[in-house]
Amino acid sequence: EIIWEPTWDPSFMAETAKLQLNMFT
């Protein structure tokens, strides 16, 4: 389970999401 840290800014979350999508695809 992934816990999103509230201290992350949207741009960082977006970059992390891209990396995770690359891992899962």
PDB file of N, CA and C in Angstrom:
ATOM      1  N   GLU A   1       0.856  -1.197   0.000  1.00  0.00           N
ATOM      2  CA  GLU A   1       0.000   0.000   0.000  1.00  0.00           C
ATOM      3  C   GLU A   1       0.884   1.235   0.000  1.00  0.00           C
ATOM      4  N   ILE A   2       0.547   2.167  -0.865  1.00  0.00           N
ATOM      5  CA  ILE A   2       1.341   3.389  -0.972  1.00  0.00           C
ATOM      6  C   ILE A   2       0.693   4.481  -0.133  1.00  0.00           C
ATOM      7  N   ILE A   3       1.483   5.075   0.752  1.00  0.00           N
ATOM      8  CA  ILE A   3       0.983   6.178   1.575  1.00  0.00           C
ATOM      9  C   ILE A   3       1.552   7.474   1.018  1.00  0.00           C
ATOM     10  N   TRP A   4       0.642   8.363   0.605  1.00  0.00           N
ATOM     11  CA  TRP A   4       1.083   9.636   0.046  1.00  0.00           C
ATOM     12  C   TRP A   4       1.366  10.616   1.181  1.00  0.00           C
ATOM     13  N   GLU A   5       2.585  11.082   1.256  1.00  0.00           N
ATOM     14  CA  GLU A   5       2.950  12.041   2.292  1.00  0.00           C
ATOM     15  C   GLU A   5       2.329  13.406   1.984  1.00  0.00           C
ATOM     16  N   PRO A   6       1.611  13.988   2.929  1.00  0.00           N
ATOM     17  CA  PRO A   6       0.967  15.287   2.695  1.00  0.00           C
ATOM     18  C   PRO A   6       1.980  16.413   2.472  1.00  0.00           C
ATOM     19  N   THR A   7       3.233  16.152   2.847  1.00  0.00           N
ATOM     20  CA  THR A   7       4.249  17.197   2.690  1.00  0.00           C
ATOM     21  C   THR A   7       4.796  17.234   1.271  1.00  0.00           C
ATOM     22  N   TRP A   8       4.463  16.201   0.460  1.00  0.00           N
ATOM     23  CA  TRP A   8       4.920  16.213  -0.929  1.00  0.00           C
ATOM     24  C   TRP A   8       4.153  17.268  -1.708  1.00  0.00           C
ATOM     25  N   ASP A   9       4.873  17.962  -2.577  1.00  0.00           N
ATOM     26  CA  ASP A   9       4.188  18.945  -3.419  1.00  0.00           C
ATOM     27  C   ASP A   9       3.659  18.250  -4.670  1.00  0.00           C
ATOM     28  N   PRO A  10       2.643  18.842  -5.320  1.00  0.00           N
ATOM     29  CA  PRO A  10       1.986  18.200  -6.469  1.00  0.00           C
ATOM     30  C   PRO A  10       2.955  17.803  -7.573  1.00  0.00           C
ATOM     31  N   SER A  11       3.954  18.615  -7.848  1.00  0.00           N
ATOM     32  CA  SER A  11       4.889  18.288  -8.932  1.00  0.00           C
ATOM     33  C   SER A  11       5.698  17.049  -8.581  1.00  0.00           C
ATOM     34  N   PHE A  12       6.086  16.932  -7.314  1.00  0.00           N
ATOM     35  CA  PHE A  12       6.837  15.749  -6.889  1.00  0.00           C
ATOM     36  C   PHE A  12       5.961  14.513  -6.968  1.00  0.00           C
ATOM     37  N   MET A  13       4.716  14.644  -6.555  1.00  0.00           N
ATOM     38  CA  MET A  13       3.779  13.520  -6.624  1.00  0.00           C
ATOM     39  C   MET A  13       3.565  13.109  -8.072  1.00  0.00           C
ATOM     40  N   ALA A  14       3.489  14.083  -8.965  1.00  0.00           N
ATOM     41  CA  ALA A  14       3.278  13.781 -10.381  1.00  0.00           C
ATOM     42  C   ALA A  14       4.486  13.030 -10.938  1.00  0.00           C
ATOM     43  N   GLU A  15       5.686  13.456 -10.590  1.00  0.00           N
ATOM     44  CA  GLU A  15       6.891  12.779 -11.066  1.00  0.00           C
ATOM     45  C   GLU A  15       6.956  11.366 -10.515  1.00  0.00           C
ATOM     46  N   THR A  16       6.600  11.193  -9.255  1.00  0.00           N
ATOM     47  CA  THR A  16       6.601   9.870  -8.648  1.00  0.00           C
ATOM     48  C   THR A  16       5.573   8.974  -9.324  1.00  0.00           C
ATOM     49  N   ALA A  17       4.412   9.537  -9.632  1.00  0.00           N
ATOM     50  CA  ALA A  17       3.367   8.759 -10.307  1.00  0.00           C
ATOM     51  C   ALA A  17       3.858   8.290 -11.670  1.00  0.00           C
ATOM     52  N   LYS A  18       4.576   9.147 -12.389  1.00  0.00           N
ATOM     53  CA  LYS A  18       5.117   8.767 -13.699  1.00  0.00           C
ATOM     54  C   LYS A  18       6.088   7.599 -13.547  1.00  0.00           C
ATOM     55  N   LEU A  19       6.952   7.670 -12.534  1.00  0.00           N
ATOM     56  CA  LEU A  19       7.916   6.593 -12.318  1.00  0.00           C
ATOM     57  C   LEU A  19       7.203   5.297 -11.974  1.00  0.00           C
ATOM     58  N   GLN A  20       6.150   5.380 -11.164  1.00  0.00           N
ATOM     59  CA  GLN A  20       5.411   4.183 -10.782  1.00  0.00           C
ATOM     60  C   GLN A  20       4.683   3.600 -11.982  1.00  0.00           C
ATOM     61  N   LEU A  21       4.139   4.455 -12.841  1.00  0.00           N
ATOM     62  CA  LEU A  21       3.472   3.964 -14.048  1.00  0.00           C
ATOM     63  C   LEU A  21       4.475   3.261 -14.949  1.00  0.00           C
ATOM     64  N   ASN A  22       5.695   3.788 -15.012  1.00  0.00           N
ATOM     65  CA  ASN A  22       6.734   3.145 -15.821  1.00  0.00           C
ATOM     66  C   ASN A  22       7.074   1.769 -15.264  1.00  0.00           C
ATOM     67  N   MET A  23       7.055   1.624 -13.942  1.00  0.00           N
ATOM     68  CA  MET A  23       7.355   0.334 -13.329  1.00  0.00           C
ATOM     69  C   MET A  23       6.257  -0.678 -13.623  1.00  0.00           C
ATOM     70  N   PHE A  24       5.014  -0.229 -13.596  1.00  0.00           N
ATOM     71  CA  PHE A  24       3.883  -1.153 -13.713  1.00  0.00           C
ATOM     72  C   PHE A  24       3.538  -1.484 -15.155  1.00  0.00           C
ATOM     73  N   THR A  25       4.074  -0.716 -16.106  1.00  0.00           N
ATOM     74  CA  THR A  25       3.718  -0.981 -17.499  1.00  0.00           C
ATOM     75  C   THR A  25       4.837  -1.728 -18.213  1.00  0.00           C
TER      76      THR A  25
END
